[in-house]
Amino acid sequence: MRLLGISGSPSRGSRTSRLIQEVLDATAQQADIETELLEVASSGAILCDGRPPEAYEGETRQVIDKVVAADAYVVGSPMYRGSYTGAFKNLFDLLPNDALTGKVVGLVATGGSDHHFLALEHQLRPLLSFFRAYTVPGTVYAQNVHFTGGEIAEETRRACRLLAEEVVRLTRAISEGQAGPAYPVIVRRPDQQKP
């Protein structure tokens, strides 16, 4: 199983990246799991310009391929003004629509206070739902008080371990990779159909 962590922080080594790494590290004893952390701040991906995903090259192509190749994910972003970062959104704008279909995603976020906690539910979860991914019901949210002396507080480490267990458990439980029924077919009126 390839478990990819995606940090949407604009800073390398951020609190968000550290939380995601904590989740990834919680799977370290399982020999059949490979983990990797992708920080958008150092990914080299360019701004999405509307081209189809297969038209991108270089580092951007490598990032797209890495995300598509993963079997499961732990994704997170710092929350600014109640939403994820533009860098995080840009990465998802680059991906093919079916990149995460039927795959499991654990959600992580950081913020300056508890005011941003619900952004996990009304920002991150709908984004992953668009990609037809299964999101684990629990999340990990950490704000300033969850980091003491630069270290992640024990209660937050425990939450990271639980999230890791759920991502792995649900990924193993899903064998067919089908994420529910297909989208409905939109029947075009005769005057809208191409000849």
C-alpha atoms as a PDB file:
ATOM      1  CA  MET A   1       0.000   0.000   0.000  1.00  0.00           C
ATOM      2  CA  ARG A   2       1.341   3.415  -0.973  1.00  0.00           C
ATOM      3  CA  LEU A   3       0.208   5.999   1.579  1.00  0.00           C
ATOM      4  CA  LEU A   4       0.897   9.560   0.445  1.00  0.00           C
ATOM      5  CA  GLY A   5       0.787  12.536   2.772  1.00  0.00           C
ATOM      6  CA  ILE A   6      -0.021  15.851   1.085  1.00  0.00           C
ATOM      7  CA  SER A   7       0.706  19.064   2.962  1.00  0.00           C
ATOM      8  CA  GLY A   8      -0.863  22.215   1.563  1.00  0.00           C
ATOM      9  CA  SER A   9       1.212  24.529   3.715  1.00  0.00           C
ATOM     10  CA  PRO A  10       3.140  27.253   1.872  1.00  0.00           C
ATOM     11  CA  SER A  11       6.020  26.624   4.325  1.00  0.00           C
ATOM     12  CA  ARG A  12       8.374  23.648   4.393  1.00  0.00           C
ATOM     13  CA  GLY A  13       8.463  21.712   7.658  1.00  0.00           C
ATOM     14  CA  SER A  14       5.272  23.389   8.872  1.00  0.00           C
ATOM     15  CA  ARG A  15       3.069  22.250  11.724  1.00  0.00           C
ATOM     16  CA  THR A  16       0.686  20.808   9.136  1.00  0.00           C
ATOM     17  CA  SER A  17       3.503  18.779   7.573  1.00  0.00           C
ATOM     18  CA  ARG A  18       4.590  17.577  11.003  1.00  0.00           C
ATOM     19  CA  LEU A  19       1.063  16.390  11.836  1.00  0.00           C
ATOM     20  CA  ILE A  20       0.774  14.548   8.524  1.00  0.00           C
ATOM     21  CA  GLN A  21       4.192  12.970   9.086  1.00  0.00           C
ATOM     22  CA  GLU A  22       3.016  11.860  12.531  1.00  0.00           C
ATOM     23  CA  VAL A  23       0.110  10.018  10.873  1.00  0.00           C
ATOM     24  CA  LEU A  24       2.451   8.463   8.300  1.00  0.00           C
ATOM     25  CA  ASP A  25       4.911   7.412  11.027  1.00  0.00           C
ATOM     26  CA  ALA A  26       2.107   5.631  12.898  1.00  0.00           C
ATOM     27  CA  THR A  27       2.062   3.057  10.082  1.00  0.00           C
ATOM     28  CA  ALA A  28       5.836   2.424  10.232  1.00  0.00           C
ATOM     29  CA  GLN A  29       5.591  -1.034  11.835  1.00  0.00           C
ATOM     30  CA  GLN A  30       3.509  -2.367   8.935  1.00  0.00           C
ATOM     31  CA  ALA A  31       5.901  -3.788   6.362  1.00  0.00           C
ATOM     32  CA  ASP A  32       3.414  -3.651   3.499  1.00  0.00           C
ATOM     33  CA  ILE A  33       2.963   0.139   3.688  1.00  0.00           C
ATOM     34  CA  GLU A  34       5.220   2.655   1.933  1.00  0.00           C
ATOM     35  CA  THR A  35       4.816   6.258   3.025  1.00  0.00           C
ATOM     36  CA  GLU A  36       5.909   9.554   1.563  1.00  0.00           C
ATOM     37  CA  LEU A  37       5.225  13.194   2.398  1.00  0.00           C
ATOM     38  CA  LEU A  38       4.576  15.608  -0.470  1.00  0.00           C
ATOM     39  CA  GLU A  39       4.852  19.247   0.567  1.00  0.00           C
ATOM     40  CA  VAL A  40       3.336  21.534  -2.061  1.00  0.00           C
ATOM     41  CA  ALA A  41       5.754  24.258  -0.934  1.00  0.00           C
ATOM     42  CA  SER A  42       8.683  22.291  -2.360  1.00  0.00           C
ATOM     43  CA  SER A  43       6.925  20.200  -5.015  1.00  0.00           C
ATOM     44  CA  GLY A  44       7.911  22.329  -7.997  1.00  0.00           C
ATOM     45  CA  ALA A  45       4.370  22.143  -9.419  1.00  0.00           C
ATOM     46  CA  ILE A  46       3.384  25.153 -11.508  1.00  0.00           C
ATOM     47  CA  LEU A  47       0.121  27.047 -11.342  1.00  0.00           C
ATOM     48  CA  CYS A  48      -2.793  25.293 -12.980  1.00  0.00           C
ATOM     49  CA  ASP A  49      -3.563  27.061 -16.251  1.00  0.00           C
ATOM     50  CA  GLY A  50      -6.538  25.051 -17.449  1.00  0.00           C
ATOM     51  CA  ARG A  51      -4.691  22.486 -19.545  1.00  0.00           C
ATOM     52  CA  PRO A  52      -5.789  18.875 -19.152  1.00  0.00           C
ATOM     53  CA  PRO A  53      -3.667  17.012 -16.556  1.00  0.00           C
ATOM     54  CA  GLU A  54      -1.888  14.910 -19.210  1.00  0.00           C
ATOM     55  CA  ALA A  55      -0.523  18.076 -20.895  1.00  0.00           C
ATOM     56  CA  TYR A  56       1.721  19.064 -17.961  1.00  0.00           C
ATOM     57  CA  GLU A  57       5.404  18.146 -17.997  1.00  0.00           C
ATOM     58  CA  GLY A  58       8.467  18.199 -15.760  1.00  0.00           C
ATOM     59  CA  GLU A  59       8.062  18.488 -11.998  1.00  0.00           C
ATOM     60  CA  THR A  60       4.343  19.167 -12.317  1.00  0.00           C
ATOM     61  CA  ARG A  61       3.869  15.910 -14.250  1.00  0.00           C
ATOM     62  CA  GLN A  62       5.881  14.040 -11.587  1.00  0.00           C
ATOM     63  CA  VAL A  63       3.685  15.448  -8.814  1.00  0.00           C
ATOM     64  CA  ILE A  64       0.484  14.516 -10.671  1.00  0.00           C
ATOM     65  CA  ASP A  65       1.803  10.992 -11.310  1.00  0.00           C
ATOM     66  CA  LYS A  66       2.838  10.578  -7.663  1.00  0.00           C
ATOM     67  CA  VAL A  67      -0.610  11.549  -6.424  1.00  0.00           C
ATOM     68  CA  VAL A  68      -2.398   9.346  -8.962  1.00  0.00           C
ATOM     69  CA  ALA A  69      -0.171   6.328  -8.110  1.00  0.00           C
ATOM     70  CA  ALA A  70      -0.906   6.394  -4.362  1.00  0.00           C
ATOM     71  CA  ASP A  71      -3.380   3.935  -2.854  1.00  0.00           C
ATOM     72  CA  ALA A  72      -4.442   6.119   0.096  1.00  0.00           C
ATOM     73  CA  TYR A  73      -3.778   9.610   1.406  1.00  0.00           C
ATOM     74  CA  VAL A  74      -3.461  11.815   4.452  1.00  0.00           C
ATOM     75  CA  VAL A  75      -4.066  15.375   3.290  1.00  0.00           C
ATOM     76  CA  GLY A  76      -3.958  18.583   5.215  1.00  0.00           C
ATOM     77  CA  SER A  77      -3.647  22.310   5.119  1.00  0.00           C
ATOM     78  CA  PRO A  78      -3.322  25.214   7.474  1.00  0.00           C
ATOM     79  CA  MET A  79      -6.633  27.056   7.550  1.00  0.00           C
ATOM     80  CA  TYR A  80      -6.547  30.733   6.681  1.00  0.00           C
ATOM     81  CA  ARG A  81      -9.767  32.748   6.690  1.00  0.00           C
ATOM     82  CA  GLY A  82     -11.751  29.520   7.142  1.00  0.00           C
ATOM     83  CA  SER A  83     -10.335  27.639   4.153  1.00  0.00           C
ATOM     84  CA  TYR A  84      -7.337  25.710   2.845  1.00  0.00           C
ATOM     85  CA  THR A  85      -4.409  27.396   1.130  1.00  0.00           C
ATOM     86  CA  GLY A  86      -4.269  28.395  -2.522  1.00  0.00           C
ATOM     87  CA  ALA A  87      -1.255  26.109  -2.976  1.00  0.00           C
ATOM     88  CA  PHE A  88      -3.316  23.149  -1.735  1.00  0.00           C
ATOM     89  CA  LYS A  89      -6.191  24.036  -4.086  1.00  0.00           C
ATOM     90  CA  ASN A  90      -3.771  24.438  -6.990  1.00  0.00           C
ATOM     91  CA  LEU A  91      -2.491  20.882  -6.550  1.00  0.00           C
ATOM     92  CA  PHE A  92      -6.035  19.517  -6.675  1.00  0.00           C
ATOM     93  CA  ASP A  93      -6.815  21.698  -9.713  1.00  0.00           C
ATOM     94  CA  LEU A  94      -3.961  19.916 -11.533  1.00  0.00           C
ATOM     95  CA  LEU A  95      -5.280  16.398 -10.868  1.00  0.00           C
ATOM     96  CA  PRO A  96      -7.430  14.307 -13.192  1.00  0.00           C
ATOM     97  CA  ASN A  97     -11.022  14.087 -11.939  1.00  0.00           C
ATOM     98  CA  ASP A  98     -10.705  10.335 -11.322  1.00  0.00           C
ATOM     99  CA  ALA A  99      -7.325  10.496  -9.551  1.00  0.00           C
ATOM    100  CA  LEU A 100      -8.736   9.646  -6.117  1.00  0.00           C
ATOM    101  CA  THR A 101     -11.866   7.690  -7.068  1.00  0.00           C
ATOM    102  CA  GLY A 102     -12.488   4.888  -4.579  1.00  0.00           C
ATOM    103  CA  LYS A 103      -9.384   5.707  -2.520  1.00  0.00           C
ATOM    104  CA  VAL A 104      -9.304   6.509   1.199  1.00  0.00           C
ATOM    105  CA  VAL A 105      -8.289   9.901   2.565  1.00  0.00           C
ATOM    106  CA  GLY A 106      -7.592  11.004   6.129  1.00  0.00           C
ATOM    107  CA  LEU A 107      -8.014  14.725   6.830  1.00  0.00           C
ATOM    108  CA  VAL A 108      -5.705  16.957   8.869  1.00  0.00           C
ATOM    109  CA  ALA A 109      -5.738  20.712   9.452  1.00  0.00           C
ATOM    110  CA  THR A 110      -4.021  23.320  11.575  1.00  0.00           C
ATOM    111  CA  GLY A 111      -5.102  26.790  12.595  1.00  0.00           C
ATOM    112  CA  GLY A 112      -4.377  29.592  14.992  1.00  0.00           C
ATOM    113  CA  SER A 113      -7.493  28.892  17.073  1.00  0.00           C
ATOM    114  CA  ASP A 114     -10.520  26.626  17.259  1.00  0.00           C
ATOM    115  CA  HIS A 115     -12.419  28.990  14.944  1.00  0.00           C
ATOM    116  CA  HIS A 116     -11.182  27.054  11.903  1.00  0.00           C
ATOM    117  CA  PHE A 117     -12.004  23.533  13.082  1.00  0.00           C
ATOM    118  CA  LEU A 118     -15.151  23.135  10.984  1.00  0.00           C
ATOM    119  CA  ALA A 119     -13.269  24.011   7.793  1.00  0.00           C
ATOM    120  CA  LEU A 120     -12.338  20.321   7.764  1.00  0.00           C
ATOM    121  CA  GLU A 121     -16.024  19.530   7.242  1.00  0.00           C
ATOM    122  CA  HIS A 122     -17.141  22.354   4.964  1.00  0.00           C
ATOM    123  CA  GLN A 123     -13.957  22.847   2.937  1.00  0.00           C
ATOM    124  CA  LEU A 124     -11.735  19.743   2.845  1.00  0.00           C
ATOM    125  CA  ARG A 125     -14.348  16.985   2.924  1.00  0.00           C
ATOM    126  CA  PRO A 126     -16.420  18.407   0.013  1.00  0.00           C
ATOM    127  CA  LEU A 127     -13.271  18.812  -2.093  1.00  0.00           C
ATOM    128  CA  LEU A 128     -12.382  15.139  -1.598  1.00  0.00           C
ATOM    129  CA  SER A 129     -15.991  14.165  -2.192  1.00  0.00           C
ATOM    130  CA  PHE A 130     -15.793  15.818  -5.617  1.00  0.00           C
ATOM    131  CA  PHE A 131     -12.937  13.425  -6.404  1.00  0.00           C
ATOM    132  CA  ARG A 132     -15.157  10.532  -5.224  1.00  0.00           C
ATOM    133  CA  ALA A 133     -12.731   9.556  -2.472  1.00  0.00           C
ATOM    134  CA  TYR A 134     -13.740   7.926   0.799  1.00  0.00           C
ATOM    135  CA  THR A 135     -12.905  10.258   3.674  1.00  0.00           C
ATOM    136  CA  VAL A 136     -12.389   8.759   7.110  1.00  0.00           C
ATOM    137  CA  PRO A 137     -15.085  10.106   9.478  1.00  0.00           C
ATOM    138  CA  GLY A 138     -12.617  11.306  12.138  1.00  0.00           C
ATOM    139  CA  THR A 139     -10.146  14.128  11.530  1.00  0.00           C
ATOM    140  CA  VAL A 140      -7.144  15.664  13.246  1.00  0.00           C
ATOM    141  CA  TYR A 141      -7.218  19.388  13.937  1.00  0.00           C
ATOM    142  CA  ALA A 142      -4.487  21.134  15.876  1.00  0.00           C
ATOM    143  CA  GLN A 143      -4.099  24.733  16.890  1.00  0.00           C
ATOM    144  CA  ASN A 144      -1.447  26.563  18.889  1.00  0.00           C
ATOM    145  CA  VAL A 145      -2.208  24.849  22.218  1.00  0.00           C
ATOM    146  CA  HIS A 146      -1.663  21.415  20.631  1.00  0.00           C
ATOM    147  CA  PHE A 147       2.029  22.207  20.171  1.00  0.00           C
ATOM    148  CA  THR A 148       4.073  22.614  23.337  1.00  0.00           C
ATOM    149  CA  GLY A 149       7.659  23.741  23.048  1.00  0.00           C
ATOM    150  CA  GLY A 150       7.488  22.985  19.348  1.00  0.00           C
ATOM    151  CA  GLU A 151       6.377  19.386  20.000  1.00  0.00           C
ATOM    152  CA  ILE A 152       3.028  17.835  19.165  1.00  0.00           C
ATOM    153  CA  ALA A 153       0.957  17.315  22.327  1.00  0.00           C
ATOM    154  CA  GLU A 154       0.361  13.682  23.348  1.00  0.00           C
ATOM    155  CA  GLU A 155      -3.427  13.869  22.863  1.00  0.00           C
ATOM    156  CA  THR A 156      -2.846  15.060  19.293  1.00  0.00           C
ATOM    157  CA  ARG A 157      -0.297  12.277  18.679  1.00  0.00           C
ATOM    158  CA  ARG A 158      -2.931   9.805  19.844  1.00  0.00           C
ATOM    159  CA  ALA A 159      -5.449  11.309  17.392  1.00  0.00           C
ATOM    160  CA  CYS A 160      -2.845  10.956  14.598  1.00  0.00           C
ATOM    161  CA  ARG A 161      -2.367   7.265  15.444  1.00  0.00           C
ATOM    162  CA  LEU A 162      -6.128   6.681  15.371  1.00  0.00           C
ATOM    163  CA  LEU A 163      -6.415   8.430  12.015  1.00  0.00           C
ATOM    164  CA  ALA A 164      -3.607   6.266  10.621  1.00  0.00           C
ATOM    165  CA  GLU A 165      -5.351   3.101  11.827  1.00  0.00           C
ATOM    166  CA  GLU A 166      -8.626   4.125  10.213  1.00  0.00           C
ATOM    167  CA  VAL A 167      -7.046   5.067   6.873  1.00  0.00           C
ATOM    168  CA  VAL A 168      -5.260   1.712   6.696  1.00  0.00           C
ATOM    169  CA  ARG A 169      -8.276  -0.275   7.912  1.00  0.00           C
ATOM    170  CA  LEU A 170     -10.695   1.311   5.445  1.00  0.00           C
ATOM    171  CA  THR A 171      -8.226   1.037   2.554  1.00  0.00           C
ATOM    172  CA  ARG A 172      -7.858  -2.680   3.213  1.00  0.00           C
ATOM    173  CA  ALA A 173     -11.620  -3.110   3.498  1.00  0.00           C
ATOM    174  CA  ILE A 174     -12.213  -1.595   0.066  1.00  0.00           C
ATOM    175  CA  SER A 175     -11.152  -4.121  -2.520  1.00  0.00           C
ATOM    176  CA  GLU A 176     -12.988  -3.114  -5.687  1.00  0.00           C
ATOM    177  CA  GLY A 177     -12.178   0.604  -5.618  1.00  0.00           C
ATOM    178  CA  GLN A 178     -15.726   1.620  -6.590  1.00  0.00           C
ATOM    179  CA  ALA A 179     -16.857   4.794  -4.870  1.00  0.00           C
ATOM    180  CA  GLY A 180     -20.604   4.408  -5.048  1.00  0.00           C
ATOM    181  CA  PRO A 181     -22.843   4.762  -8.056  1.00  0.00           C
ATOM    182  CA  ALA A 182     -21.636   6.482 -11.184  1.00  0.00           C
ATOM    183  CA  TYR A 183     -22.603  10.066 -11.859  1.00  0.00           C
ATOM    184  CA  PRO A 184     -25.823  10.360 -13.844  1.00  0.00           C
ATOM    185  CA  VAL A 185     -25.564  10.589 -17.599  1.00  0.00           C
ATOM    186  CA  ILE A 186     -26.656  14.017 -18.766  1.00  0.00           C
ATOM    187  CA  VAL A 187     -28.806  13.662 -21.855  1.00  0.00           C
ATOM    188  CA  ARG A 188     -28.381  16.618 -24.163  1.00  0.00           C
ATOM    189  CA  ARG A 189     -31.202  18.104 -26.142  1.00  0.00           C
ATOM    190  CA  PRO A 190     -30.959  17.389 -29.882  1.00  0.00           C
ATOM    191  CA  ASP A 191     -30.017  21.011 -30.606  1.00  0.00           C
ATOM    192  CA  GLN A 192     -27.045  20.716 -28.174  1.00  0.00           C
ATOM    193  CA  GLN A 193     -25.608  17.490 -29.587  1.00  0.00           C
ATOM    194  CA  LYS A 194     -22.572  17.567 -31.794  1.00  0.00           C
ATOM    195  CA  PRO A 195     -23.099  16.378 -35.373  1.00  0.00           C
END
